[in-house]
Amino acid sequence: MQPMTKSDSGPLTGEQCQTMSEVREGVDALDREIVALLVRRQAYMSAAARIKGSRDAVYDGERIEDVVAKVVSEAQKAGLSPNIAEPVWRELIARCIDFEFAKFDALRGA
């Protein structure tokens, strides 16, 4: 999702910004969108914790590398620097795994 243009009475696109106030407004709007997307991603982690049959299944190194490779590829196609995408997703995955372990344990009373 892109920020709204000025004609929508919302933030400008990055290319349209002329002031730091406009940049900050756009960044803040995007941050709200990212939070909403992360809430959706977290719901999938909750589902995984509920569905997986064993705690050993929570961490899957092969799947991590698959996700990172897909993200880096998509980032390059979309114009996002892999130097941003890869470390951000590795940290996101690590935090999601921690969340999933906690959710797995809580669901099973561990």
N, C-alpha and C. Protein backbone atom coordinates (compact mmCIF):
# COMPACT_ATOMS: atom_id res chain seq x y z
N MET A 1 0.83 -1.17 0.00
CA MET A 1 0.00 0.00 0.00
C MET A 1 0.88 1.24 0.00
N GLN A 2 0.49 2.21 -0.80
CA GLN A 2 1.22 3.46 -0.83
C GLN A 2 0.46 4.52 -0.07
N PRO A 3 1.18 5.50 0.47
CA PRO A 3 0.46 6.57 1.14
C PRO A 3 -0.42 7.30 0.15
N MET A 4 -1.46 7.94 0.64
CA MET A 4 -2.35 8.70 -0.21
C MET A 4 -1.61 9.91 -0.77
N THR A 5 -2.07 10.38 -1.92
CA THR A 5 -1.49 11.59 -2.48
C THR A 5 -2.16 12.80 -1.85
N LYS A 6 -1.60 13.97 -2.09
CA LYS A 6 -2.14 15.19 -1.49
C LYS A 6 -3.60 15.40 -1.87
N SER A 7 -4.00 14.97 -3.07
CA SER A 7 -5.38 15.15 -3.49
C SER A 7 -6.34 14.32 -2.63
N ASP A 8 -5.84 13.31 -1.96
CA ASP A 8 -6.65 12.50 -1.05
C ASP A 8 -6.65 13.11 0.36
N SER A 9 -6.05 14.25 0.54
CA SER A 9 -5.91 14.92 1.84
C SER A 9 -5.07 14.10 2.81
N GLY A 10 -4.18 13.29 2.31
CA GLY A 10 -3.31 12.48 3.15
C GLY A 10 -1.86 12.72 2.79
N PRO A 11 -0.99 11.86 3.26
CA PRO A 11 0.44 12.02 2.99
C PRO A 11 0.77 11.95 1.50
N LEU A 12 1.82 12.63 1.15
CA LEU A 12 2.34 12.58 -0.20
C LEU A 12 3.18 11.33 -0.38
N THR A 13 3.46 10.98 -1.62
CA THR A 13 4.44 9.92 -1.87
C THR A 13 5.82 10.49 -1.57
N GLY A 14 6.81 9.62 -1.39
CA GLY A 14 8.16 10.08 -1.12
C GLY A 14 8.68 11.03 -2.19
N GLU A 15 8.35 10.73 -3.43
CA GLU A 15 8.81 11.57 -4.54
C GLU A 15 8.18 12.96 -4.51
N GLN A 16 6.99 13.08 -3.94
CA GLN A 16 6.29 14.37 -3.91
C GLN A 16 6.71 15.25 -2.74
N CYS A 17 7.31 14.67 -1.73
CA CYS A 17 7.64 15.42 -0.51
C CYS A 17 8.64 16.53 -0.79
N GLN A 18 8.36 17.69 -0.21
CA GLN A 18 9.25 18.84 -0.33
C GLN A 18 9.78 19.30 1.04
N THR A 19 9.17 18.81 2.11
CA THR A 19 9.58 19.23 3.45
C THR A 19 9.72 18.00 4.35
N MET A 20 10.45 18.16 5.43
CA MET A 20 10.59 17.07 6.39
C MET A 20 9.26 16.76 7.06
N SER A 21 8.41 17.75 7.23
CA SER A 21 7.09 17.51 7.80
C SER A 21 6.29 16.56 6.91
N GLU A 22 6.37 16.74 5.62
CA GLU A 22 5.68 15.85 4.68
C GLU A 22 6.28 14.44 4.72
N VAL A 23 7.61 14.37 4.80
CA VAL A 23 8.28 13.07 4.91
C VAL A 23 7.82 12.35 6.18
N ARG A 24 7.81 13.05 7.30
CA ARG A 24 7.42 12.43 8.57
C ARG A 24 5.96 11.98 8.55
N GLU A 25 5.10 12.77 7.94
CA GLU A 25 3.69 12.39 7.83
C GLU A 25 3.56 11.09 7.03
N GLY A 26 4.30 10.99 5.94
CA GLY A 26 4.28 9.78 5.13
C GLY A 26 4.83 8.57 5.86
N VAL A 27 5.94 8.76 6.56
CA VAL A 27 6.54 7.67 7.33
C VAL A 27 5.59 7.20 8.42
N ASP A 28 4.97 8.14 9.13
CA ASP A 28 4.03 7.76 10.19
C ASP A 28 2.84 6.98 9.64
N ALA A 29 2.34 7.40 8.48
CA ALA A 29 1.22 6.68 7.85
C ALA A 29 1.65 5.26 7.45
N LEU A 30 2.83 5.14 6.89
CA LEU A 30 3.34 3.82 6.52
C LEU A 30 3.56 2.94 7.74
N ASP A 31 4.07 3.52 8.81
CA ASP A 31 4.27 2.75 10.04
C ASP A 31 2.96 2.17 10.54
N ARG A 32 1.88 2.94 10.45
CA ARG A 32 0.57 2.42 10.86
C ARG A 32 0.16 1.24 9.98
N GLU A 33 0.41 1.34 8.69
CA GLU A 33 0.09 0.24 7.77
C GLU A 33 0.94 -0.99 8.08
N ILE A 34 2.22 -0.77 8.35
CA ILE A 34 3.12 -1.89 8.65
C ILE A 34 2.67 -2.59 9.93
N VAL A 35 2.27 -1.84 10.94
CA VAL A 35 1.78 -2.45 12.18
C VAL A 35 0.57 -3.32 11.88
N ALA A 36 -0.35 -2.83 11.08
CA ALA A 36 -1.53 -3.62 10.73
C ALA A 36 -1.14 -4.91 10.00
N LEU A 37 -0.17 -4.84 9.13
CA LEU A 37 0.31 -6.04 8.42
C LEU A 37 1.00 -7.00 9.38
N LEU A 38 1.76 -6.46 10.33
CA LEU A 38 2.42 -7.33 11.31
C LEU A 38 1.42 -8.02 12.21
N VAL A 39 0.32 -7.36 12.52
CA VAL A 39 -0.75 -8.01 13.30
C VAL A 39 -1.28 -9.20 12.51
N ARG A 40 -1.47 -9.03 11.22
CA ARG A 40 -1.93 -10.14 10.38
C ARG A 40 -0.90 -11.27 10.36
N ARG A 41 0.39 -10.92 10.26
CA ARG A 41 1.44 -11.94 10.23
C ARG A 41 1.47 -12.69 11.56
N GLN A 42 1.33 -11.94 12.66
CA GLN A 42 1.33 -12.57 13.98
C GLN A 42 0.19 -13.57 14.12
N ALA A 43 -0.94 -13.29 13.52
CA ALA A 43 -2.07 -14.23 13.57
C ALA A 43 -1.70 -15.56 12.92
N TYR A 44 -0.89 -15.51 11.88
CA TYR A 44 -0.42 -16.76 11.25
C TYR A 44 0.53 -17.51 12.18
N MET A 45 1.32 -16.78 12.95
CA MET A 45 2.21 -17.43 13.91
C MET A 45 1.38 -18.10 15.02
N SER A 46 0.31 -17.45 15.42
CA SER A 46 -0.60 -18.07 16.40
C SER A 46 -1.22 -19.35 15.83
N ALA A 47 -1.61 -19.28 14.58
CA ALA A 47 -2.18 -20.47 13.93
C ALA A 47 -1.14 -21.58 13.84
N ALA A 48 0.09 -21.23 13.50
CA ALA A 48 1.16 -22.24 13.42
C ALA A 48 1.37 -22.90 14.77
N ALA A 49 1.38 -22.09 15.83
CA ALA A 49 1.57 -22.65 17.18
C ALA A 49 0.44 -23.61 17.53
N ARG A 50 -0.75 -23.29 17.10
CA ARG A 50 -1.91 -24.14 17.37
C ARG A 50 -1.87 -25.42 16.54
N ILE A 51 -1.38 -25.33 15.32
CA ILE A 51 -1.43 -26.46 14.38
C ILE A 51 -0.26 -27.42 14.55
N LYS A 52 0.93 -26.90 14.83
CA LYS A 52 2.12 -27.75 14.91
C LYS A 52 1.97 -28.75 16.06
N GLY A 53 2.39 -29.98 15.78
CA GLY A 53 2.21 -31.05 16.74
C GLY A 53 3.29 -31.15 17.80
N SER A 54 4.45 -30.55 17.56
CA SER A 54 5.50 -30.63 18.56
C SER A 54 6.28 -29.32 18.61
N ARG A 55 6.86 -29.07 19.76
CA ARG A 55 7.65 -27.85 19.96
C ARG A 55 8.85 -27.84 19.02
N ASP A 56 9.39 -29.01 18.72
CA ASP A 56 10.53 -29.10 17.80
C ASP A 56 10.21 -28.59 16.41
N ALA A 57 8.93 -28.56 16.05
CA ALA A 57 8.53 -28.11 14.72
C ALA A 57 8.47 -26.58 14.62
N VAL A 58 8.57 -25.88 15.73
CA VAL A 58 8.45 -24.42 15.71
C VAL A 58 9.62 -23.80 14.94
N TYR A 59 10.84 -24.21 15.24
CA TYR A 59 12.01 -23.68 14.53
C TYR A 59 12.30 -24.56 13.32
N ASP A 60 12.30 -23.96 12.14
CA ASP A 60 12.55 -24.70 10.90
C ASP A 60 13.55 -23.91 10.06
N GLY A 61 14.82 -24.24 10.22
CA GLY A 61 15.89 -23.52 9.54
C GLY A 61 15.74 -23.48 8.03
N GLU A 62 15.28 -24.58 7.45
CA GLU A 62 15.07 -24.63 6.00
C GLU A 62 14.00 -23.63 5.57
N ARG A 63 12.92 -23.56 6.33
CA ARG A 63 11.84 -22.63 6.01
C ARG A 63 12.32 -21.18 6.17
N ILE A 64 13.14 -20.91 7.18
CA ILE A 64 13.67 -19.56 7.38
C ILE A 64 14.44 -19.11 6.14
N GLU A 65 15.33 -19.96 5.66
CA GLU A 65 16.13 -19.61 4.49
C GLU A 65 15.25 -19.45 3.24
N ASP A 66 14.20 -20.25 3.13
CA ASP A 66 13.26 -20.13 2.01
C ASP A 66 12.54 -18.79 2.06
N VAL A 67 12.06 -18.41 3.23
CA VAL A 67 11.36 -17.13 3.39
C VAL A 67 12.30 -15.97 3.06
N VAL A 68 13.50 -15.99 3.60
CA VAL A 68 14.46 -14.91 3.36
C VAL A 68 14.79 -14.81 1.88
N ALA A 69 15.02 -15.93 1.23
CA ALA A 69 15.32 -15.91 -0.20
C ALA A 69 14.17 -15.31 -1.01
N LYS A 70 12.94 -15.68 -0.67
CA LYS A 70 11.78 -15.13 -1.37
C LYS A 70 11.66 -13.63 -1.13
N VAL A 71 11.88 -13.20 0.09
CA VAL A 71 11.78 -11.78 0.43
C VAL A 71 12.86 -10.98 -0.30
N VAL A 72 14.09 -11.47 -0.30
CA VAL A 72 15.17 -10.75 -0.97
C VAL A 72 14.88 -10.66 -2.46
N SER A 73 14.39 -11.71 -3.05
CA SER A 73 14.05 -11.70 -4.47
C SER A 73 12.94 -10.67 -4.75
N GLU A 74 11.90 -10.70 -3.94
CA GLU A 74 10.79 -9.75 -4.11
C GLU A 74 11.27 -8.32 -3.86
N ALA A 75 12.13 -8.15 -2.87
CA ALA A 75 12.66 -6.82 -2.57
C ALA A 75 13.41 -6.27 -3.78
N GLN A 76 14.25 -7.08 -4.39
CA GLN A 76 15.01 -6.63 -5.55
C GLN A 76 14.09 -6.24 -6.70
N LYS A 77 13.05 -7.04 -6.93
CA LYS A 77 12.08 -6.73 -7.99
C LYS A 77 11.36 -5.42 -7.71
N ALA A 78 11.05 -5.17 -6.44
CA ALA A 78 10.26 -3.99 -6.07
C ALA A 78 11.11 -2.74 -5.85
N GLY A 79 12.43 -2.90 -5.84
CA GLY A 79 13.31 -1.75 -5.65
C GLY A 79 13.72 -1.49 -4.21
N LEU A 80 13.52 -2.49 -3.33
CA LEU A 80 13.97 -2.36 -1.94
C LEU A 80 15.37 -2.96 -1.83
N SER A 81 16.26 -2.24 -1.20
CA SER A 81 17.62 -2.72 -1.03
C SER A 81 17.63 -4.03 -0.25
N PRO A 82 18.33 -5.04 -0.76
CA PRO A 82 18.48 -6.29 0.01
C PRO A 82 19.18 -6.05 1.34
N ASN A 83 19.97 -4.97 1.43
CA ASN A 83 20.65 -4.63 2.69
C ASN A 83 19.66 -4.15 3.75
N ILE A 84 18.48 -3.76 3.34
CA ILE A 84 17.40 -3.45 4.28
C ILE A 84 16.55 -4.70 4.49
N ALA A 85 16.13 -5.30 3.39
CA ALA A 85 15.18 -6.42 3.45
C ALA A 85 15.69 -7.61 4.26
N GLU A 86 16.88 -8.09 3.95
CA GLU A 86 17.35 -9.33 4.58
C GLU A 86 17.48 -9.22 6.10
N PRO A 87 18.20 -8.22 6.63
CA PRO A 87 18.31 -8.17 8.10
C PRO A 87 16.98 -7.88 8.79
N VAL A 88 16.13 -7.08 8.15
CA VAL A 88 14.82 -6.80 8.76
C VAL A 88 14.02 -8.09 8.85
N TRP A 89 14.00 -8.88 7.78
CA TRP A 89 13.22 -10.12 7.81
C TRP A 89 13.84 -11.16 8.73
N ARG A 90 15.14 -11.22 8.79
CA ARG A 90 15.76 -12.19 9.71
C ARG A 90 15.37 -11.84 11.16
N GLU A 91 15.37 -10.57 11.50
CA GLU A 91 14.96 -10.17 12.85
C GLU A 91 13.47 -10.42 13.05
N LEU A 92 12.67 -10.10 12.05
CA LEU A 92 11.23 -10.36 12.14
C LEU A 92 10.96 -11.85 12.36
N ILE A 93 11.63 -12.68 11.61
CA ILE A 93 11.46 -14.13 11.75
C ILE A 93 11.88 -14.58 13.14
N ALA A 94 13.01 -14.09 13.61
CA ALA A 94 13.48 -14.48 14.96
C ALA A 94 12.46 -14.10 16.02
N ARG A 95 11.90 -12.90 15.93
CA ARG A 95 10.90 -12.46 16.90
C ARG A 95 9.61 -13.26 16.77
N CYS A 96 9.25 -13.60 15.53
CA CYS A 96 8.04 -14.42 15.32
C CYS A 96 8.22 -15.82 15.88
N ILE A 97 9.42 -16.37 15.76
CA ILE A 97 9.70 -17.69 16.32
C ILE A 97 9.58 -17.64 17.85
N ASP A 98 10.15 -16.60 18.45
CA ASP A 98 10.02 -16.44 19.91
C ASP A 98 8.54 -16.37 20.30
N PHE A 99 7.76 -15.59 19.56
CA PHE A 99 6.32 -15.46 19.82
C PHE A 99 5.64 -16.82 19.67
N GLU A 100 6.00 -17.55 18.62
CA GLU A 100 5.37 -18.84 18.37
C GLU A 100 5.71 -19.85 19.47
N PHE A 101 6.96 -19.85 19.93
CA PHE A 101 7.31 -20.74 21.05
C PHE A 101 6.47 -20.41 22.28
N ALA A 102 6.35 -19.12 22.60
CA ALA A 102 5.54 -18.73 23.77
C ALA A 102 4.08 -19.12 23.58
N LYS A 103 3.56 -18.91 22.39
CA LYS A 103 2.17 -19.26 22.12
C LYS A 103 1.97 -20.77 22.18
N PHE A 104 2.93 -21.53 21.62
CA PHE A 104 2.86 -22.99 21.65
C PHE A 104 2.79 -23.47 23.09
N ASP A 105 3.70 -22.95 23.92
CA ASP A 105 3.74 -23.36 25.33
C ASP A 105 2.46 -22.96 26.06
N ALA A 106 1.98 -21.76 25.82
CA ALA A 106 0.77 -21.29 26.51
C ALA A 106 -0.45 -22.15 26.12
N LEU A 107 -0.53 -22.54 24.88
CA LEU A 107 -1.66 -23.36 24.43
C LEU A 107 -1.65 -24.75 25.05
N ARG A 108 -0.46 -25.19 25.45
CA ARG A 108 -0.33 -26.54 25.99
C ARG A 108 -0.07 -26.53 27.49
N GLY A 109 -0.15 -25.37 28.09
CA GLY A 109 0.04 -25.27 29.54
C GLY A 109 1.44 -25.56 30.00
N ALA A 110 2.41 -25.38 29.11
CA ALA A 110 3.81 -25.68 29.48
C ALA A 110 4.44 -24.55 30.26
